[in-house]
């Protein structure tokens, strides 16, 4: 599913593709390269807030641990 997201910093509209109906994670603006944490449900943007590089690294570490213990199937 393709969704349009308007960057709060530079006001440029970008396209974001997700496969699940719910997404909670990082988004990087293609124009200004600013990082954001976004929450989406069924193609609708529910929340967006600025995210630092350190927060992104922490988020990726947590996701890697979750994936390590996730059951296949």
C-alpha atoms as a PDB file:
ATOM      1  CA  UNK A   1       0.000   0.000   0.000  1.00  0.00           C
ATOM      2  CA  UNK A   2       1.410   3.395  -1.005  1.00  0.00           C
ATOM      3  CA  UNK A   3       0.764   6.312   1.330  1.00  0.00           C
ATOM      4  CA  UNK A   4       1.622  10.002   0.959  1.00  0.00           C
ATOM      5  CA  UNK A   5       3.450  11.658   3.867  1.00  0.00           C
ATOM      6  CA  UNK A   6       4.055  15.394   4.103  1.00  0.00           C
ATOM      7  CA  UNK A   7       7.340  16.235   5.848  1.00  0.00           C
ATOM      8  CA  UNK A   8       6.721  18.543   8.832  1.00  0.00           C
ATOM      9  CA  UNK A   9      10.148  20.146   8.369  1.00  0.00           C
ATOM     10  CA  UNK A  10      10.341  20.952   4.642  1.00  0.00           C
ATOM     11  CA  UNK A  11       6.676  20.448   3.642  1.00  0.00           C
ATOM     12  CA  UNK A  12       7.567  18.127   0.730  1.00  0.00           C
ATOM     13  CA  UNK A  13       5.229  15.215   0.055  1.00  0.00           C
ATOM     14  CA  UNK A  14       6.840  11.795  -0.107  1.00  0.00           C
ATOM     15  CA  UNK A  15       5.535   8.320  -0.846  1.00  0.00           C
ATOM     16  CA  UNK A  16       5.842   5.521   1.691  1.00  0.00           C
ATOM     17  CA  UNK A  17       5.087   1.865   0.992  1.00  0.00           C
ATOM     18  CA  UNK A  18       3.952  -0.575   3.686  1.00  0.00           C
ATOM     19  CA  UNK A  19       2.694  -4.143   3.447  1.00  0.00           C
ATOM     20  CA  UNK A  20       0.963  -4.407   6.845  1.00  0.00           C
ATOM     21  CA  UNK A  21      -2.161  -2.449   7.825  1.00  0.00           C
ATOM     22  CA  UNK A  22      -0.332  -1.066  10.887  1.00  0.00           C
ATOM     23  CA  UNK A  23       3.164   0.474  10.868  1.00  0.00           C
ATOM     24  CA  UNK A  24       5.083   1.989  13.785  1.00  0.00           C
ATOM     25  CA  UNK A  25       8.644   2.915  12.903  1.00  0.00           C
ATOM     26  CA  UNK A  26      11.136   5.230  11.221  1.00  0.00           C
ATOM     27  CA  UNK A  27      10.639   7.377   8.137  1.00  0.00           C
ATOM     28  CA  UNK A  28      13.288   9.534   6.423  1.00  0.00           C
ATOM     29  CA  UNK A  29      12.290  12.482   4.233  1.00  0.00           C
ATOM     30  CA  UNK A  30      13.763  12.085   0.763  1.00  0.00           C
ATOM     31  CA  UNK A  31      14.296  15.853   0.390  1.00  0.00           C
ATOM     32  CA  UNK A  32      15.676  17.201   3.707  1.00  0.00           C
ATOM     33  CA  UNK A  33      16.852  13.798   5.059  1.00  0.00           C
ATOM     34  CA  UNK A  34      15.188  14.460   8.451  1.00  0.00           C
ATOM     35  CA  UNK A  35      14.277  11.366  10.500  1.00  0.00           C
ATOM     36  CA  UNK A  36      10.797  10.848  11.935  1.00  0.00           C
ATOM     37  CA  UNK A  37       8.997   8.207  13.958  1.00  0.00           C
ATOM     38  CA  UNK A  38       5.607   7.579  12.350  1.00  0.00           C
ATOM     39  CA  UNK A  39       2.517   5.587  13.267  1.00  0.00           C
ATOM     40  CA  UNK A  40       0.136   4.500  10.518  1.00  0.00           C
ATOM     41  CA  UNK A  41      -3.088   2.493  10.537  1.00  0.00           C
ATOM     42  CA  UNK A  42      -4.799   1.329   7.344  1.00  0.00           C
ATOM     43  CA  UNK A  43      -2.975   3.906   5.208  1.00  0.00           C
ATOM     44  CA  UNK A  44      -3.778   6.847   7.508  1.00  0.00           C
ATOM     45  CA  UNK A  45      -1.021   8.732   9.339  1.00  0.00           C
ATOM     46  CA  UNK A  46      -1.829   8.657  13.079  1.00  0.00           C
ATOM     47  CA  UNK A  47       1.327  10.297  14.432  1.00  0.00           C
ATOM     48  CA  UNK A  48       4.654  11.791  13.396  1.00  0.00           C
ATOM     49  CA  UNK A  49       7.469  13.112  15.580  1.00  0.00           C
ATOM     50  CA  UNK A  50      11.125  13.971  15.077  1.00  0.00           C
ATOM     51  CA  UNK A  51      13.647  11.184  15.679  1.00  0.00           C
ATOM     52  CA  UNK A  52      17.384  11.437  16.267  1.00  0.00           C
ATOM     53  CA  UNK A  53      20.010   9.145  14.802  1.00  0.00           C
ATOM     54  CA  UNK A  54      20.568   7.681  18.292  1.00  0.00           C
ATOM     55  CA  UNK A  55      16.850   6.908  18.623  1.00  0.00           C
ATOM     56  CA  UNK A  56      16.930   5.225  15.214  1.00  0.00           C
ATOM     57  CA  UNK A  57      19.895   3.056  16.262  1.00  0.00           C
ATOM     58  CA  UNK A  58      18.087   2.046  19.464  1.00  0.00           C
ATOM     59  CA  UNK A  59      14.895   1.262  17.498  1.00  0.00           C
ATOM     60  CA  UNK A  60      16.863  -0.925  15.063  1.00  0.00           C
ATOM     61  CA  UNK A  61      18.523  -2.810  17.952  1.00  0.00           C
ATOM     62  CA  UNK A  62      15.151  -3.548  19.550  1.00  0.00           C
ATOM     63  CA  UNK A  63      13.714  -4.727  16.206  1.00  0.00           C
ATOM     64  CA  UNK A  64      16.723  -7.014  15.651  1.00  0.00           C
ATOM     65  CA  UNK A  65      16.165  -8.608  19.072  1.00  0.00           C
ATOM     66  CA  UNK A  66      12.433  -9.038  18.366  1.00  0.00           C
ATOM     67  CA  UNK A  67      13.187 -10.672  15.011  1.00  0.00           C
ATOM     68  CA  UNK A  68      15.703 -13.019  16.618  1.00  0.00           C
ATOM     69  CA  UNK A  69      13.051 -14.454  18.939  1.00  0.00           C
ATOM     70  CA  UNK A  70      10.116 -14.360  16.504  1.00  0.00           C
ATOM     71  CA  UNK A  71       8.740 -17.766  15.590  1.00  0.00           C
ATOM     72  CA  UNK A  72       8.835 -18.671  11.908  1.00  0.00           C
ATOM     73  CA  UNK A  73       5.564 -19.110  10.096  1.00  0.00           C
END
